[in-house]
Amino acid sequence: MSMSINFAEIFQKLLSLVGKEVEVTLASQGKIIKGTVTNAMFDSFIVEGAQGKQIVSFSDLQSLQQV
């Protein structure tokens, strides 16, 4: 069964999280990123944390939650 990703819905959610702390799990690596959302784009967003700035693609999201 294929999973449809609603990029518009994710984009709207990320816009509301700009400037807020989040925890993101990447599907491709299982890696957890913690930091502040500094920018939201139509297909990705930027999280700035202890590891520096990281660009996260919507298609690589496994989980996203505000902390």
Protein backbone atom coordinates (compact mmCIF):
# COMPACT_ATOMS: atom_id res chain seq x y z
CA MET A 1 0.00 0.00 0.00
CA SER A 2 1.48 3.38 -0.94
CA MET A 3 1.43 6.25 1.51
CA SER A 4 0.44 9.70 0.28
CA ILE A 5 2.28 12.64 1.81
CA ASN A 6 0.30 15.85 2.11
CA PHE A 7 3.07 18.45 1.72
CA ALA A 8 0.62 21.37 2.08
CA GLU A 9 -0.53 20.09 5.47
CA ILE A 10 3.03 19.55 6.67
CA PHE A 11 4.02 23.02 5.41
CA GLN A 12 1.17 24.65 7.36
CA LYS A 13 2.19 22.75 10.51
CA LEU A 14 5.82 23.81 10.10
CA LEU A 15 4.85 27.46 9.63
CA SER A 16 3.21 27.36 13.05
CA LEU A 17 6.38 25.82 14.53
CA VAL A 18 8.87 28.44 13.26
CA GLY A 19 10.74 29.73 16.31
CA LYS A 20 9.71 26.76 18.46
CA GLU A 21 11.65 23.77 19.78
CA VAL A 22 10.96 20.44 18.08
CA GLU A 23 12.13 16.85 18.05
CA VAL A 24 12.33 15.26 14.61
CA THR A 25 12.99 11.62 13.74
CA LEU A 26 14.37 10.96 10.25
CA ALA A 27 12.94 7.92 8.47
CA SER A 28 16.08 7.31 6.42
CA GLN A 29 18.49 7.11 9.36
CA GLY A 30 16.33 6.77 12.47
CA LYS A 31 18.29 9.79 13.69
CA ILE A 32 16.67 12.20 16.17
CA ILE A 33 17.24 15.92 15.72
CA LYS A 34 16.36 18.40 18.46
CA GLY A 35 16.37 22.13 17.90
CA THR A 36 14.49 25.23 16.82
CA VAL A 37 12.64 25.44 13.50
CA THR A 38 14.18 28.49 11.83
CA ASN A 39 12.60 28.28 8.37
CA ALA A 40 9.84 26.36 6.60
CA MET A 41 9.82 25.81 2.84
CA PHE A 42 7.38 23.94 0.58
CA ASP A 43 9.29 20.65 0.71
CA SER A 44 11.66 20.98 3.67
CA PHE A 45 12.49 22.94 6.80
CA ILE A 46 15.56 24.00 8.77
CA VAL A 47 16.22 22.95 12.35
CA GLU A 48 19.01 24.67 14.27
CA GLY A 49 20.32 22.83 17.30
CA ALA A 50 23.48 21.57 18.96
CA GLN A 51 24.53 19.90 15.67
CA GLY A 52 24.19 23.21 13.78
CA LYS A 53 21.67 23.90 11.03
CA GLN A 54 20.12 20.90 9.30
CA ILE A 55 17.73 20.80 6.37
CA VAL A 56 15.02 18.18 6.77
CA SER A 57 12.97 17.04 3.77
CA PHE A 58 9.26 16.41 4.38
CA SER A 59 9.63 13.05 2.66
CA ASP A 60 12.25 12.02 5.27
CA LEU A 61 10.01 12.71 8.29
CA GLN A 62 9.17 9.78 10.49
CA SER A 63 7.92 11.89 13.39
CA LEU A 64 7.73 15.54 14.38
CA GLN A 65 6.66 16.96 17.71
CA GLN A 66 6.99 20.21 19.58
CA VAL A 67 8.92 19.95 22.88
